[in-house]
Amino acid sequence: MEQVEPVPGDPLPVPPPRAGLLGAVRRASERLARSVGLDDAPAAVLSSLHDFLGIRHAMVLMLDPATQRLYTVASAGYATSGVGSEIGVGHGVIGVAARERTPVRIGHVTNAALYSQAMRSSFDADIPDFEPATEIPYPGLPQPHSQLAVPILHGARVLGVLFVESSEDLQFSYEDEDALVAIAGHPGAAIELLQASTDAAEPQSAPSPPPASPATAAQLLVRHYAANDSVFLGDAYLIKGVAGAILWKLLRDHREQGRTDFSNRELRLDPSLRLPDVTDNPEARLLLLQRRLAEHAAGMRIEKTGRGRFRLVLERPVELVAR
């Protein structure tokens, strides 16, 4: 026979009820419906969480099916964006939500250090001839107390994870979980719509001549390591994997053919990029690459020029070195 005996102590306060979640989901849905591309959808999700649900700390991660790793494409409420930071499927709250295809909600995070250690570097120092790269900082709270991870699904397929957290205990209820599941369905549908829209043949726009590099601009050294398609700008690590392979293709085509204008479709059909399958949409990788280039501000950027089309802009001469 078991007995329950009360002991002295102060119980945790009951969190105030979250009112108006159905209305919040409706307003979030309306905002997300106005998104015209995957580059808009993560920002719309994060702003909706902040404006309508009062959630300050959140991030959107996409799944790379080939490596079974999730990479951050957008975040809000943190000191650093963490774009490009990764976690393996099955690791931590985020990885478990992706592996099990179900929300994971925690009201008391008792050991944040173990979770933070699970957020591994986006770079594996397994390539000879250079020092290990600096990790892309994971943008999570140093001491979270509540966390909720919701898989982004389309049918039975996991596309990514929507993750929120708080420094307070018991911040996310079953109702919050339901609201985030509803909101997370929008980016999943957007990815599939982008896939369908870019499959259709589109009129080719006249390629623009590459902008002339200023005569005084310093040359940018770009190094590519074929072992894992990692790319460095000078000595600074930029990106790896499919996104790294995409950038290297763009730079080689620019050097050899003078091209600056490209399409998502041609990337998806290029066997050298080793996309997981022919139906994989490279939009998420382009979004990650675009934001990493913007953070580095190294005189190289990617601009969207239309549905499924984009342009590589180089503001300084580039030297390519393959390893």
Protein backbone atom coordinates (compact mmCIF):
# COMPACT_ATOMS: atom_id res chain seq x y z
CA MET A 1 0.00 0.00 0.00
CA GLU A 2 1.32 3.44 -0.93
CA GLN A 3 0.62 6.64 0.95
CA VAL A 4 0.97 10.25 0.00
CA GLU A 5 2.15 12.53 2.72
CA PRO A 6 2.24 16.30 2.22
CA VAL A 7 5.49 18.05 3.06
CA PRO A 8 6.07 21.73 3.81
CA GLY A 9 6.84 23.89 0.80
CA ASP A 10 5.47 26.43 -1.61
CA PRO A 11 3.63 24.91 -4.58
CA LEU A 12 4.25 26.21 -8.08
CA PRO A 13 1.78 28.95 -8.98
CA VAL A 14 -0.90 27.98 -11.46
CA PRO A 15 -0.15 29.76 -14.74
CA PRO A 16 -2.80 32.21 -15.90
CA PRO A 17 -5.12 30.86 -18.60
CA ARG A 18 -4.23 31.72 -22.19
CA ALA A 19 -7.31 33.38 -23.64
CA GLY A 20 -8.23 33.76 -27.27
CA LEU A 21 -6.03 31.04 -28.76
CA LEU A 22 -8.58 30.22 -31.46
CA GLY A 23 -8.63 33.85 -32.52
CA ALA A 24 -4.82 33.90 -32.43
CA VAL A 25 -4.66 30.91 -34.75
CA ARG A 26 -7.10 32.58 -37.11
CA ARG A 27 -5.04 35.78 -37.28
CA ALA A 28 -1.85 33.77 -37.71
CA SER A 29 -3.46 31.81 -40.55
CA GLU A 30 -4.47 35.02 -42.29
CA ARG A 31 -0.93 36.37 -42.03
CA LEU A 32 0.60 33.12 -43.25
CA ALA A 33 -1.79 32.99 -46.19
CA ARG A 34 -0.20 36.21 -47.45
CA SER A 35 3.24 34.58 -47.61
CA VAL A 36 4.35 34.20 -51.21
CA GLY A 37 7.43 32.06 -50.66
CA LEU A 38 9.36 30.00 -48.18
CA ASP A 39 11.53 33.02 -47.49
CA ASP A 40 8.40 34.79 -46.18
CA ALA A 41 6.79 31.89 -44.31
CA PRO A 42 9.28 31.48 -41.40
CA ALA A 43 9.19 35.21 -40.65
CA ALA A 44 5.38 35.16 -40.76
CA VAL A 45 5.29 32.19 -38.36
CA LEU A 46 7.66 33.81 -35.88
CA SER A 47 5.93 37.20 -35.98
CA SER A 48 2.53 35.52 -35.51
CA LEU A 49 3.78 33.66 -32.44
CA HIS A 50 5.03 36.94 -30.97
CA ASP A 51 2.09 39.15 -31.91
CA PHE A 52 -0.83 36.80 -31.34
CA LEU A 53 0.37 34.23 -28.78
CA GLY A 54 2.90 36.29 -26.83
CA ILE A 55 5.73 33.81 -27.51
CA ARG A 56 9.04 35.66 -27.57
CA HIS A 57 11.58 32.90 -28.21
CA ALA A 58 11.09 30.64 -31.21
CA MET A 59 12.85 29.11 -34.18
CA VAL A 60 12.06 27.26 -37.39
CA LEU A 61 14.24 24.34 -38.45
CA MET A 62 14.12 22.38 -41.71
CA LEU A 63 15.05 18.72 -42.16
CA ASP A 64 17.81 17.55 -44.49
CA PRO A 65 16.59 14.04 -45.38
CA ALA A 66 20.02 12.95 -46.65
CA THR A 67 21.85 13.62 -43.38
CA GLN A 68 18.88 13.32 -41.01
CA ARG A 69 19.80 16.64 -39.44
CA LEU A 70 17.66 19.70 -38.76
CA TYR A 71 19.09 23.12 -39.55
CA THR A 72 17.87 26.50 -38.30
CA VAL A 73 16.51 28.79 -41.01
CA ALA A 74 14.93 31.50 -38.82
CA SER A 75 14.71 32.50 -35.17
CA ALA A 76 13.32 35.30 -33.02
CA GLY A 77 14.04 36.64 -29.55
CA TYR A 78 17.69 35.57 -29.29
CA ALA A 79 20.96 37.47 -29.16
CA THR A 80 22.21 35.62 -32.25
CA SER A 81 20.14 34.24 -35.12
CA GLY A 82 21.77 30.80 -35.09
CA VAL A 83 20.95 30.38 -38.79
CA GLY A 84 22.74 27.23 -39.91
CA SER A 85 23.03 25.61 -36.47
CA GLU A 86 22.06 21.94 -36.56
CA ILE A 87 20.75 19.08 -34.48
CA GLY A 88 20.39 15.43 -35.40
CA VAL A 89 17.02 13.71 -35.60
CA GLY A 90 16.39 12.08 -32.23
CA HIS A 91 18.59 14.52 -30.28
CA GLY A 92 17.01 16.84 -27.73
CA VAL A 93 13.43 18.05 -27.71
CA ILE A 94 13.61 19.20 -31.33
CA GLY A 95 15.14 16.01 -32.68
CA VAL A 96 12.71 13.76 -30.81
CA ALA A 97 9.71 15.71 -32.17
CA ALA A 98 11.04 15.14 -35.70
CA ARG A 99 11.79 11.46 -35.14
CA GLU A 100 8.44 10.64 -33.53
CA ARG A 101 6.40 12.99 -35.76
CA THR A 102 4.58 14.29 -32.70
CA PRO A 103 4.73 17.39 -30.47
CA VAL A 104 7.04 17.25 -27.44
CA ARG A 105 6.14 19.56 -24.55
CA ILE A 106 8.19 20.06 -21.36
CA GLY A 107 7.06 22.21 -18.45
CA HIS A 108 10.24 21.92 -16.36
CA VAL A 109 13.64 21.71 -18.04
CA THR A 110 15.86 20.42 -15.25
CA ASN A 111 19.12 20.10 -17.13
CA ALA A 112 19.50 22.62 -19.90
CA ALA A 113 23.20 21.88 -20.22
CA LEU A 114 22.57 18.36 -21.53
CA TYR A 115 20.13 19.70 -24.09
CA SER A 116 22.52 22.41 -25.21
CA GLN A 117 25.24 19.82 -25.69
CA ALA A 118 22.89 17.92 -28.00
CA MET A 119 22.82 20.94 -30.32
CA ARG A 120 25.97 19.94 -32.13
CA SER A 121 28.09 22.07 -34.39
CA SER A 122 27.04 22.44 -38.00
CA PHE A 123 30.56 21.50 -38.99
CA ASP A 124 32.39 18.20 -38.49
CA ALA A 125 36.13 18.71 -38.21
CA ASP A 126 36.98 15.60 -40.18
CA ILE A 127 38.70 17.14 -43.18
CA PRO A 128 42.50 17.36 -43.25
CA ASP A 129 44.60 20.46 -43.90
CA PHE A 130 42.73 23.05 -41.84
CA GLU A 131 41.78 23.82 -38.27
CA PRO A 132 38.28 23.00 -36.98
CA ALA A 133 35.75 25.71 -37.79
CA THR A 134 34.05 27.84 -35.20
CA GLU A 135 30.61 26.50 -34.36
CA ILE A 136 27.51 28.34 -35.51
CA PRO A 137 26.03 29.37 -32.16
CA TYR A 138 22.80 27.63 -31.22
CA PRO A 139 20.29 30.44 -30.52
CA GLY A 140 18.52 28.82 -27.55
CA LEU A 141 17.98 30.27 -24.10
CA PRO A 142 20.86 29.54 -21.70
CA GLN A 143 18.43 28.33 -19.01
CA PRO A 144 15.06 27.40 -20.52
CA HIS A 145 12.29 26.21 -18.20
CA SER A 146 9.55 25.39 -20.72
CA GLN A 147 9.92 24.02 -24.24
CA LEU A 148 7.58 22.88 -26.99
CA ALA A 149 8.63 21.34 -30.30
CA VAL A 150 6.07 20.69 -33.05
CA PRO A 151 6.93 18.83 -36.27
CA ILE A 152 6.21 20.55 -39.57
CA LEU A 153 4.48 17.87 -41.62
CA HIS A 154 3.04 17.33 -45.04
CA GLY A 155 1.14 14.09 -45.00
CA ALA A 156 3.38 11.56 -43.28
CA ARG A 157 6.58 13.36 -44.30
CA VAL A 158 8.53 15.47 -41.80
CA LEU A 159 9.75 18.74 -43.32
CA GLY A 160 11.03 20.46 -40.19
CA VAL A 161 10.23 21.54 -36.63
CA LEU A 162 8.70 24.64 -35.05
CA PHE A 163 10.28 25.15 -31.62
CA VAL A 164 9.36 27.58 -28.83
CA GLU A 165 10.70 28.01 -25.32
CA SER A 166 10.47 30.22 -22.23
CA SER A 167 12.53 31.04 -19.15
CA GLU A 168 9.39 30.45 -17.02
CA ASP A 169 7.93 27.13 -15.88
CA LEU A 170 4.67 25.72 -17.27
CA GLN A 171 4.36 28.27 -20.06
CA PHE A 172 2.90 25.97 -22.72
CA SER A 173 -0.40 24.15 -22.25
CA TYR A 174 -2.25 21.56 -24.33
CA GLU A 175 -4.08 24.47 -25.95
CA ASP A 176 -0.77 26.09 -26.93
CA GLU A 177 0.32 22.76 -28.38
CA ASP A 178 -2.85 22.56 -30.47
CA ALA A 179 -2.37 26.14 -31.66
CA LEU A 180 1.24 25.51 -32.73
CA VAL A 181 0.28 22.30 -34.54
CA ALA A 182 -2.28 24.29 -36.55
CA ILE A 183 0.22 27.06 -37.29
CA ALA A 184 2.99 24.60 -38.23
CA GLY A 185 0.76 23.14 -40.92
CA HIS A 186 1.04 26.30 -43.00
CA PRO A 187 4.79 26.17 -43.77
CA GLY A 188 4.43 22.49 -44.62
CA ALA A 189 1.74 23.28 -47.19
CA ALA A 190 3.76 26.26 -48.48
CA ILE A 191 6.77 24.05 -49.23
CA GLU A 192 4.64 21.66 -51.29
CA LEU A 193 2.97 24.54 -53.14
CA LEU A 194 6.37 25.98 -53.97
CA GLN A 195 7.38 22.57 -55.30
CA ALA A 196 4.37 22.48 -57.61
CA SER A 197 4.69 26.10 -58.75
CA THR A 198 8.36 25.85 -59.68
CA ASP A 199 7.81 22.57 -61.54
CA ALA A 200 5.86 24.43 -64.22
CA ALA A 201 7.91 25.86 -67.04
CA GLU A 202 8.48 29.55 -66.50
CA PRO A 203 9.44 32.21 -69.00
CA GLN A 204 13.14 32.84 -69.01
CA SER A 205 14.01 36.39 -68.05
CA ALA A 206 16.84 38.05 -69.87
CA PRO A 207 19.98 37.52 -67.81
CA SER A 208 21.45 40.69 -66.46
CA PRO A 209 25.14 41.35 -66.90
CA PRO A 210 27.17 40.78 -63.76
CA PRO A 211 27.87 44.01 -61.88
CA ALA A 212 31.35 45.28 -62.37
CA SER A 213 33.49 44.77 -59.31
CA PRO A 214 35.06 47.97 -57.98
CA ALA A 215 38.68 48.19 -59.05
CA THR A 216 39.72 48.73 -55.46
CA ALA A 217 37.68 45.86 -54.01
CA ALA A 218 39.74 43.19 -52.31
CA GLN A 219 39.53 39.73 -53.76
CA LEU A 220 37.44 37.23 -51.81
CA LEU A 221 38.94 33.76 -51.40
CA VAL A 222 36.28 31.04 -51.48
CA ARG A 223 37.41 27.54 -50.48
CA HIS A 224 35.30 24.44 -51.09
CA TYR A 225 35.94 21.03 -49.49
CA ALA A 226 34.38 18.22 -51.48
CA ALA A 227 34.34 15.79 -48.51
CA ASN A 228 31.23 17.46 -47.08
CA ASP A 229 30.68 20.43 -49.45
CA SER A 230 31.78 22.91 -46.78
CA VAL A 231 32.52 26.43 -47.99
CA PHE A 232 34.77 29.04 -46.37
CA LEU A 233 34.89 32.76 -47.17
CA GLY A 234 38.50 33.55 -46.45
CA ASP A 235 39.12 31.81 -43.14
CA ALA A 236 35.49 32.05 -41.98
CA TYR A 237 33.25 29.00 -42.21
CA LEU A 238 30.05 29.74 -44.12
CA ILE A 239 28.00 26.63 -44.87
CA LYS A 240 28.19 22.94 -45.76
CA GLY A 241 26.09 20.15 -47.25
CA VAL A 242 23.57 20.81 -50.00
CA ALA A 243 23.64 24.57 -49.43
CA GLY A 244 27.42 24.55 -49.80
CA ALA A 245 27.18 22.49 -52.99
CA ILE A 246 24.63 24.96 -54.39
CA LEU A 247 26.86 27.96 -53.74
CA TRP A 248 29.86 26.22 -55.29
CA LYS A 249 27.82 25.41 -58.42
CA LEU A 250 26.66 29.02 -58.73
CA LEU A 251 30.19 30.36 -58.36
CA ARG A 252 31.63 27.89 -60.89
CA ASP A 253 28.90 28.66 -63.43
CA HIS A 254 29.57 32.36 -62.93
CA ARG A 255 33.30 31.89 -63.47
CA GLU A 256 32.99 29.58 -66.47
CA GLN A 257 29.88 30.94 -68.20
CA GLY A 258 29.38 34.41 -66.76
CA ARG A 259 25.96 33.41 -65.40
CA THR A 260 24.22 35.31 -62.63
CA ASP A 261 20.59 34.16 -63.05
CA PHE A 262 19.40 30.72 -61.95
CA SER A 263 16.22 28.77 -61.14
CA ASN A 264 15.19 26.40 -58.39
CA ARG A 265 14.16 23.88 -61.02
CA GLU A 266 17.61 23.55 -62.52
CA LEU A 267 19.09 23.08 -59.06
CA ARG A 268 16.63 20.31 -58.25
CA LEU A 269 17.48 18.51 -61.51
CA ASP A 270 21.26 18.88 -61.17
CA PRO A 271 22.68 15.46 -60.12
CA SER A 272 25.93 17.00 -58.87
CA LEU A 273 24.05 18.56 -55.91
CA ARG A 274 23.03 15.13 -54.60
CA LEU A 275 19.58 16.20 -53.45
CA PRO A 276 17.77 13.39 -51.61
CA ASP A 277 15.39 12.80 -54.53
CA VAL A 278 14.15 14.55 -57.63
CA THR A 279 11.13 15.95 -55.77
CA ASP A 280 13.23 17.69 -53.12
CA ASN A 281 12.72 21.45 -53.14
CA PRO A 282 15.95 23.45 -52.75
CA GLU A 283 14.06 26.53 -51.54
CA ALA A 284 14.92 25.88 -47.88
CA ARG A 285 18.61 25.46 -48.69
CA LEU A 286 18.59 28.68 -50.69
CA LEU A 287 16.93 30.48 -47.80
CA LEU A 288 19.61 29.21 -45.43
CA LEU A 289 22.37 30.17 -47.86
CA GLN A 290 20.86 33.61 -48.46
CA ARG A 291 20.75 34.39 -44.75
CA ARG A 292 24.22 33.06 -44.03
CA LEU A 293 25.65 35.24 -46.82
CA ALA A 294 23.77 38.26 -45.46
CA GLU A 295 25.20 37.67 -41.97
CA HIS A 296 28.75 37.49 -43.33
CA ALA A 297 28.34 40.66 -45.45
CA ALA A 298 31.31 39.61 -47.58
CA GLY A 299 30.17 41.24 -50.83
CA MET A 300 28.25 38.20 -52.05
CA ARG A 301 24.46 37.77 -51.88
CA ILE A 302 21.48 36.02 -53.42
CA GLU A 303 18.46 38.00 -54.58
CA LYS A 304 15.04 36.61 -55.51
CA THR A 305 14.04 37.71 -59.03
CA GLY A 306 10.71 35.89 -59.41
CA ARG A 307 8.86 32.73 -58.51
CA GLY A 308 11.44 29.98 -58.46
CA ARG A 309 14.18 32.28 -59.79
CA PHE A 310 17.09 34.08 -58.15
CA ARG A 311 20.30 35.96 -58.91
CA LEU A 312 23.85 35.68 -57.61
CA VAL A 313 25.30 39.13 -56.93
CA LEU A 314 29.07 39.54 -56.51
CA GLU A 315 30.33 42.93 -55.38
CA ARG A 316 34.03 41.97 -55.41
CA PRO A 317 36.27 39.65 -57.41
CA VAL A 318 36.25 36.04 -56.26
CA GLU A 319 38.97 33.40 -56.29
CA LEU A 320 37.76 29.79 -56.11
CA VAL A 321 39.91 27.10 -54.53
CA ALA A 322 38.74 23.46 -54.54
CA ARG A 323 40.12 21.04 -51.94
